[in-house]
Amino acid sequence: MTGVLELRDIAESIAREAGERAAARRAEGVSIAASKSSLEDVVTEADREVENLIRARLADLRPDDAFLGEESGAEGGSSGLTWVVDPIDGTVNYLYGIPDYCVSIAVVEGEPDPRSWTALAGVVYAPAKRELFHAAAGHGAFRGDERLAVNTGVSPALALIGTGFGYAAEKRVRQAAVVQSLVAEVRDIRRIGAAALDLCAVASGRIDAYYESGLNPWDQAAGVLIAQEAGARVEGRDGAPADRDLTIAAAPEIFGFLHDRVASAR
């Protein structure tokens, strides 16, 4: 049976290749292929091309594994493992030439549902910044060769908090109300625009915590494992696993504070 470190290495190799493909297509100019949940929620031709590349590489290397991708959906397997892929997380950033976008690849055991799966390995590669975050279950989290650890000794008043917004206008209004109630109690709020990078920012100490509702499995699969392996507490509402309803990743000492402030808002 393939170990978690070997699975991580496969994810890393493919993520690097996929990220370089995404960066090359960005340099050539972005073409919008479609919109998803709203006119603001776009899919580029590069999203589809990059996911097809990842899927093809995995089919060659891991033909018995299942696949769940943002653009091409699910395909079953016989091994009990599923590769969960976001080919370009932060597509709007990518569209505008903002360098905060990434390829996110994770492999999980069990049903491809964050409420029940066991994440084995995850890689997040931001090609415009040449940063690769990676983790294997039980082996820690890293940026390149640097081992990562969440910030410690953080008080809520000095905490830098990350979040994100949905694409539907009415949902953004509700989410903005939560930010409005929270911002007076913390150091400041950041909105980067790529959930996987937000979770890696918690892992690397660039922010102290992150929360968001509405994340899909591919948005969080790799980033949650990286944050957890760096020492973050990652949960959803009232102790449930992080899922579409709510994802909170935080330095342990401020998790309870943040949960109390955001979990009551739906």
Protein backbone atom coordinates (compact mmCIF):
# COMPACT_ATOMS: atom_id res chain seq x y z
CA MET A 1 0.00 0.00 0.00
CA THR A 2 1.28 3.44 -0.92
CA GLY A 3 2.24 5.52 2.13
CA VAL A 4 1.11 9.06 2.83
CA LEU A 5 4.52 10.51 1.98
CA GLU A 6 4.46 8.89 -1.44
CA LEU A 7 0.94 10.21 -2.01
CA ARG A 8 2.12 13.67 -1.02
CA ASP A 9 5.03 13.44 -3.45
CA ILE A 10 2.66 12.50 -6.28
CA ALA A 11 0.43 15.46 -5.44
CA GLU A 12 3.42 17.79 -5.28
CA SER A 13 4.79 16.76 -8.66
CA ILE A 14 1.42 17.12 -10.37
CA ALA A 15 0.61 20.41 -8.61
CA ARG A 16 3.87 21.93 -9.80
CA GLU A 17 3.23 20.94 -13.39
CA ALA A 18 -0.39 22.09 -13.23
CA GLY A 19 0.57 25.39 -11.63
CA GLU A 20 3.13 26.14 -14.31
CA ARG A 21 0.50 25.38 -16.95
CA ALA A 22 -1.93 27.79 -15.25
CA ALA A 23 0.73 30.50 -15.04
CA ALA A 24 1.63 30.07 -18.71
CA ARG A 25 -2.00 30.40 -19.75
CA ARG A 26 -2.37 33.50 -17.58
CA ALA A 27 0.61 35.10 -19.32
CA GLU A 28 -1.03 34.39 -22.68
CA GLY A 29 -4.30 36.03 -21.63
CA VAL A 30 -7.38 34.64 -19.91
CA SER A 31 -10.44 33.42 -21.77
CA ILE A 32 -13.70 33.02 -19.84
CA ALA A 33 -15.39 29.72 -20.62
CA ALA A 34 -18.58 30.02 -18.53
CA SER A 35 -20.11 31.24 -15.31
CA LYS A 36 -21.17 28.90 -12.51
CA SER A 37 -23.39 29.96 -9.62
CA SER A 38 -23.67 33.56 -10.83
CA LEU A 39 -22.28 35.90 -13.46
CA GLU A 40 -19.52 36.82 -11.00
CA ASP A 41 -18.50 33.17 -10.47
CA VAL A 42 -16.46 32.48 -13.60
CA VAL A 43 -14.72 29.48 -15.11
CA THR A 44 -11.77 30.11 -17.39
CA GLU A 45 -10.57 27.87 -20.17
CA ALA A 46 -7.43 27.43 -18.07
CA ASP A 47 -9.47 25.96 -15.17
CA ARG A 48 -10.68 23.21 -17.46
CA GLU A 49 -7.34 22.62 -19.12
CA VAL A 50 -5.47 22.42 -15.83
CA GLU A 51 -8.01 20.03 -14.29
CA ASN A 52 -7.82 17.81 -17.37
CA LEU A 53 -4.03 17.73 -17.00
CA ILE A 54 -4.26 16.75 -13.32
CA ARG A 55 -6.88 14.12 -14.03
CA ALA A 56 -4.80 12.58 -16.82
CA ARG A 57 -1.66 12.41 -14.68
CA LEU A 58 -3.56 10.75 -11.83
CA ALA A 59 -5.21 8.30 -14.21
CA ASP A 60 -1.75 7.19 -15.33
CA LEU A 61 -0.22 7.00 -11.85
CA ARG A 62 -3.20 5.98 -9.72
CA PRO A 63 -5.75 4.30 -12.03
CA ASP A 64 -7.69 2.64 -9.20
CA ASP A 65 -8.32 5.86 -7.25
CA ALA A 66 -11.45 7.99 -7.47
CA PHE A 67 -11.45 11.63 -8.52
CA LEU A 68 -13.47 14.68 -7.45
CA GLY A 69 -12.74 17.90 -9.31
CA GLU A 70 -14.35 21.31 -9.32
CA GLU A 71 -14.78 21.44 -13.08
CA SER A 72 -15.25 17.85 -14.21
CA GLY A 73 -17.08 16.30 -11.27
CA ALA A 74 -16.65 12.87 -9.73
CA GLU A 75 -15.38 9.54 -11.05
CA GLY A 76 -15.42 6.40 -8.92
CA GLY A 77 -12.54 4.10 -8.08
CA SER A 78 -11.84 0.82 -6.32
CA SER A 79 -9.00 1.72 -3.95
CA GLY A 80 -10.97 3.63 -1.31
CA LEU A 81 -8.94 6.78 -2.04
CA THR A 82 -10.18 9.94 -3.78
CA TRP A 83 -8.18 12.81 -5.22
CA VAL A 84 -9.94 16.09 -4.49
CA VAL A 85 -8.84 18.84 -6.88
CA ASP A 86 -9.31 22.55 -7.38
CA PRO A 87 -7.35 23.35 -10.54
CA ILE A 88 -7.31 27.10 -9.92
CA ASP A 89 -8.49 28.30 -6.52
CA GLY A 90 -8.91 32.05 -6.64
CA THR A 91 -10.17 32.19 -10.22
CA VAL A 92 -11.24 35.84 -9.99
CA ASN A 93 -7.75 36.76 -8.75
CA TYR A 94 -6.38 34.78 -11.68
CA LEU A 95 -8.71 36.59 -14.07
CA TYR A 96 -7.50 39.99 -12.88
CA GLY A 97 -3.81 39.11 -12.69
CA ILE A 98 -3.69 39.12 -8.89
CA PRO A 99 -1.01 36.59 -7.88
CA ASP A 100 -3.05 35.00 -5.07
CA TYR A 101 -4.28 31.91 -6.90
CA CYS A 102 -3.21 28.30 -6.57
CA VAL A 103 -3.60 24.66 -7.50
CA SER A 104 -5.00 22.54 -4.66
CA ILE A 105 -4.68 18.74 -4.66
CA ALA A 106 -5.54 16.40 -1.79
CA VAL A 107 -6.02 12.68 -1.44
CA VAL A 108 -8.54 11.41 1.09
CA GLU A 109 -9.69 8.04 2.37
CA GLY A 110 -13.38 7.22 2.62
CA GLU A 111 -16.34 8.97 1.08
CA PRO A 112 -15.37 12.24 -0.67
CA ASP A 113 -17.17 14.31 1.96
CA PRO A 114 -15.28 16.54 4.42
CA ARG A 115 -17.69 15.50 7.19
CA SER A 116 -16.43 11.91 7.07
CA TRP A 117 -13.23 11.57 5.03
CA THR A 118 -9.71 11.13 6.40
CA ALA A 119 -7.25 13.38 4.60
CA LEU A 120 -3.95 11.67 3.87
CA ALA A 121 -1.95 14.26 1.93
CA GLY A 122 -2.43 17.73 0.53
CA VAL A 123 -0.53 20.19 -1.63
CA VAL A 124 -1.26 23.83 -2.43
CA TYR A 125 0.94 25.47 -5.07
CA ALA A 126 0.84 29.20 -5.83
CA PRO A 127 2.82 29.48 -9.09
CA ALA A 128 2.87 33.27 -9.33
CA LYS A 129 4.66 33.37 -5.96
CA ARG A 130 6.59 30.11 -6.37
CA GLU A 131 5.26 28.89 -3.04
CA LEU A 132 4.42 25.26 -2.40
CA PHE A 133 2.66 24.22 0.81
CA HIS A 134 2.39 20.53 1.58
CA ALA A 135 1.43 18.09 4.32
CA ALA A 136 1.10 14.38 4.90
CA ALA A 137 -1.00 13.12 7.77
CA GLY A 138 1.14 12.75 10.89
CA HIS A 139 4.23 14.28 9.28
CA GLY A 140 3.72 18.01 9.72
CA ALA A 141 3.12 20.87 7.32
CA PHE A 142 5.73 22.68 5.23
CA ARG A 143 6.30 25.58 2.86
CA GLY A 144 9.03 24.14 0.70
CA ASP A 145 11.49 22.74 3.24
CA GLU A 146 10.37 25.04 6.07
CA ARG A 147 8.24 23.38 8.73
CA LEU A 148 5.16 25.44 9.56
CA ALA A 149 3.49 26.22 12.88
CA VAL A 150 0.52 28.40 13.70
CA ASN A 151 1.02 31.51 15.79
CA THR A 152 0.83 31.02 19.55
CA GLY A 153 0.04 33.31 22.44
CA VAL A 154 -2.52 35.20 20.35
CA SER A 155 -5.19 37.28 22.06
CA PRO A 156 -8.42 38.06 20.20
CA ALA A 157 -7.78 41.80 20.28
CA LEU A 158 -4.48 41.31 18.42
CA ALA A 159 -5.65 38.60 16.04
CA LEU A 160 -5.53 39.04 12.28
CA ILE A 161 -8.51 37.16 10.84
CA GLY A 162 -9.05 35.97 7.29
CA THR A 163 -12.40 35.31 5.66
CA GLY A 164 -14.09 35.05 2.28
CA PHE A 165 -17.39 35.89 0.65
CA GLY A 166 -19.77 33.99 -1.58
CA TYR A 167 -20.67 35.07 -5.08
CA ALA A 168 -24.37 35.70 -4.52
CA ALA A 169 -25.01 39.32 -3.57
CA GLU A 170 -27.50 38.53 -0.81
CA LYS A 171 -25.03 36.13 0.80
CA ARG A 172 -22.22 38.68 0.67
CA VAL A 173 -24.44 41.17 2.48
CA ARG A 174 -25.01 38.68 5.30
CA GLN A 175 -21.32 37.83 5.45
CA ALA A 176 -20.41 41.52 5.55
CA ALA A 177 -22.65 41.92 8.59
CA VAL A 178 -20.62 39.27 10.40
CA VAL A 179 -17.41 41.10 9.50
CA GLN A 180 -18.91 44.36 10.74
CA SER A 181 -19.69 42.81 14.11
CA LEU A 182 -16.26 41.16 14.38
CA VAL A 183 -13.88 43.84 13.16
CA ALA A 184 -14.09 45.98 16.31
CA GLU A 185 -12.93 43.05 18.46
CA VAL A 186 -9.81 41.98 16.51
CA ARG A 187 -6.69 43.55 15.05
CA ASP A 188 -8.07 43.51 11.48
CA ILE A 189 -9.71 41.43 8.77
CA ARG A 190 -8.14 40.13 5.56
CA ARG A 191 -9.93 38.84 2.45
CA ILE A 192 -7.46 37.19 0.06
CA GLY A 193 -9.89 35.49 -2.32
CA ALA A 194 -8.58 31.92 -2.30
CA ALA A 195 -9.66 29.59 0.50
CA ALA A 196 -6.74 27.18 0.10
CA LEU A 197 -4.27 30.05 0.48
CA ASP A 198 -6.17 31.40 3.49
CA LEU A 199 -5.81 28.04 5.21
CA CYS A 200 -2.12 27.94 4.35
CA ALA A 201 -1.80 31.47 5.72
CA VAL A 202 -3.07 30.20 9.07
CA ALA A 203 -0.58 27.34 8.91
CA SER A 204 2.32 29.69 8.18
CA GLY A 205 1.37 32.36 10.72
CA ARG A 206 0.55 35.01 8.14
CA ILE A 207 -2.87 35.27 9.74
CA ASP A 208 -4.06 33.96 13.09
CA ALA A 209 -7.38 32.49 12.01
CA TYR A 210 -9.74 32.07 9.09
CA TYR A 211 -13.43 31.35 8.73
CA GLU A 212 -15.83 31.00 5.84
CA SER A 213 -19.16 29.41 5.00
CA GLY A 214 -20.01 27.87 1.64
CA LEU A 215 -16.72 26.09 0.92
CA ASN A 216 -16.85 23.12 -1.42
CA PRO A 217 -14.81 19.96 -0.74
CA TRP A 218 -12.12 20.95 -3.24
CA ASP A 219 -11.79 24.43 -1.71
CA GLN A 220 -10.64 23.08 1.63
CA ALA A 221 -9.37 19.49 1.29
CA ALA A 222 -5.65 20.24 1.03
CA GLY A 223 -5.65 23.48 3.02
CA VAL A 224 -7.43 22.02 6.04
CA LEU A 225 -4.87 19.22 6.35
CA ILE A 226 -1.99 21.69 6.01
CA ALA A 227 -3.48 23.93 8.72
CA GLN A 228 -4.13 20.98 11.04
CA GLU A 229 -0.62 19.60 10.58
CA ALA A 230 0.72 23.05 11.50
CA GLY A 231 -1.20 22.96 14.78
CA ALA A 232 -4.41 24.79 13.91
CA ARG A 233 -7.73 23.75 15.33
CA VAL A 234 -10.03 23.22 12.37
CA GLU A 235 -13.74 22.55 12.89
CA GLY A 236 -17.17 23.57 11.73
CA ARG A 237 -20.17 24.59 13.77
CA ASP A 238 -20.46 23.28 17.35
CA GLY A 239 -17.67 20.75 17.04
CA ALA A 240 -18.75 19.30 13.70
CA PRO A 241 -16.10 18.71 11.03
CA ALA A 242 -15.35 21.66 8.79
CA ASP A 243 -17.74 21.52 5.84
CA ARG A 244 -19.85 23.65 3.52
CA ASP A 245 -21.85 24.99 6.46
CA LEU A 246 -18.82 26.50 8.21
CA THR A 247 -15.05 26.15 8.28
CA ILE A 248 -12.96 27.71 11.05
CA ALA A 249 -9.19 27.30 11.24
CA ALA A 250 -7.47 29.08 14.09
CA ALA A 251 -4.67 29.16 16.57
CA PRO A 252 -6.12 26.99 19.37
CA GLU A 253 -6.32 29.74 21.97
CA ILE A 254 -8.58 31.95 19.85
CA PHE A 255 -10.69 29.25 18.24
CA GLY A 256 -13.44 29.45 20.86
CA PHE A 257 -13.64 33.24 20.60
CA LEU A 258 -13.97 33.15 16.82
CA HIS A 259 -16.45 30.28 16.85
CA ASP A 260 -18.68 32.11 19.30
CA ARG A 261 -18.69 35.20 17.10
CA VAL A 262 -19.36 33.59 13.73
CA ALA A 263 -21.19 30.30 14.36
CA SER A 264 -24.42 32.00 15.35
CA ALA A 265 -24.66 33.70 11.96
CA ARG A 266 -26.20 31.61 9.18
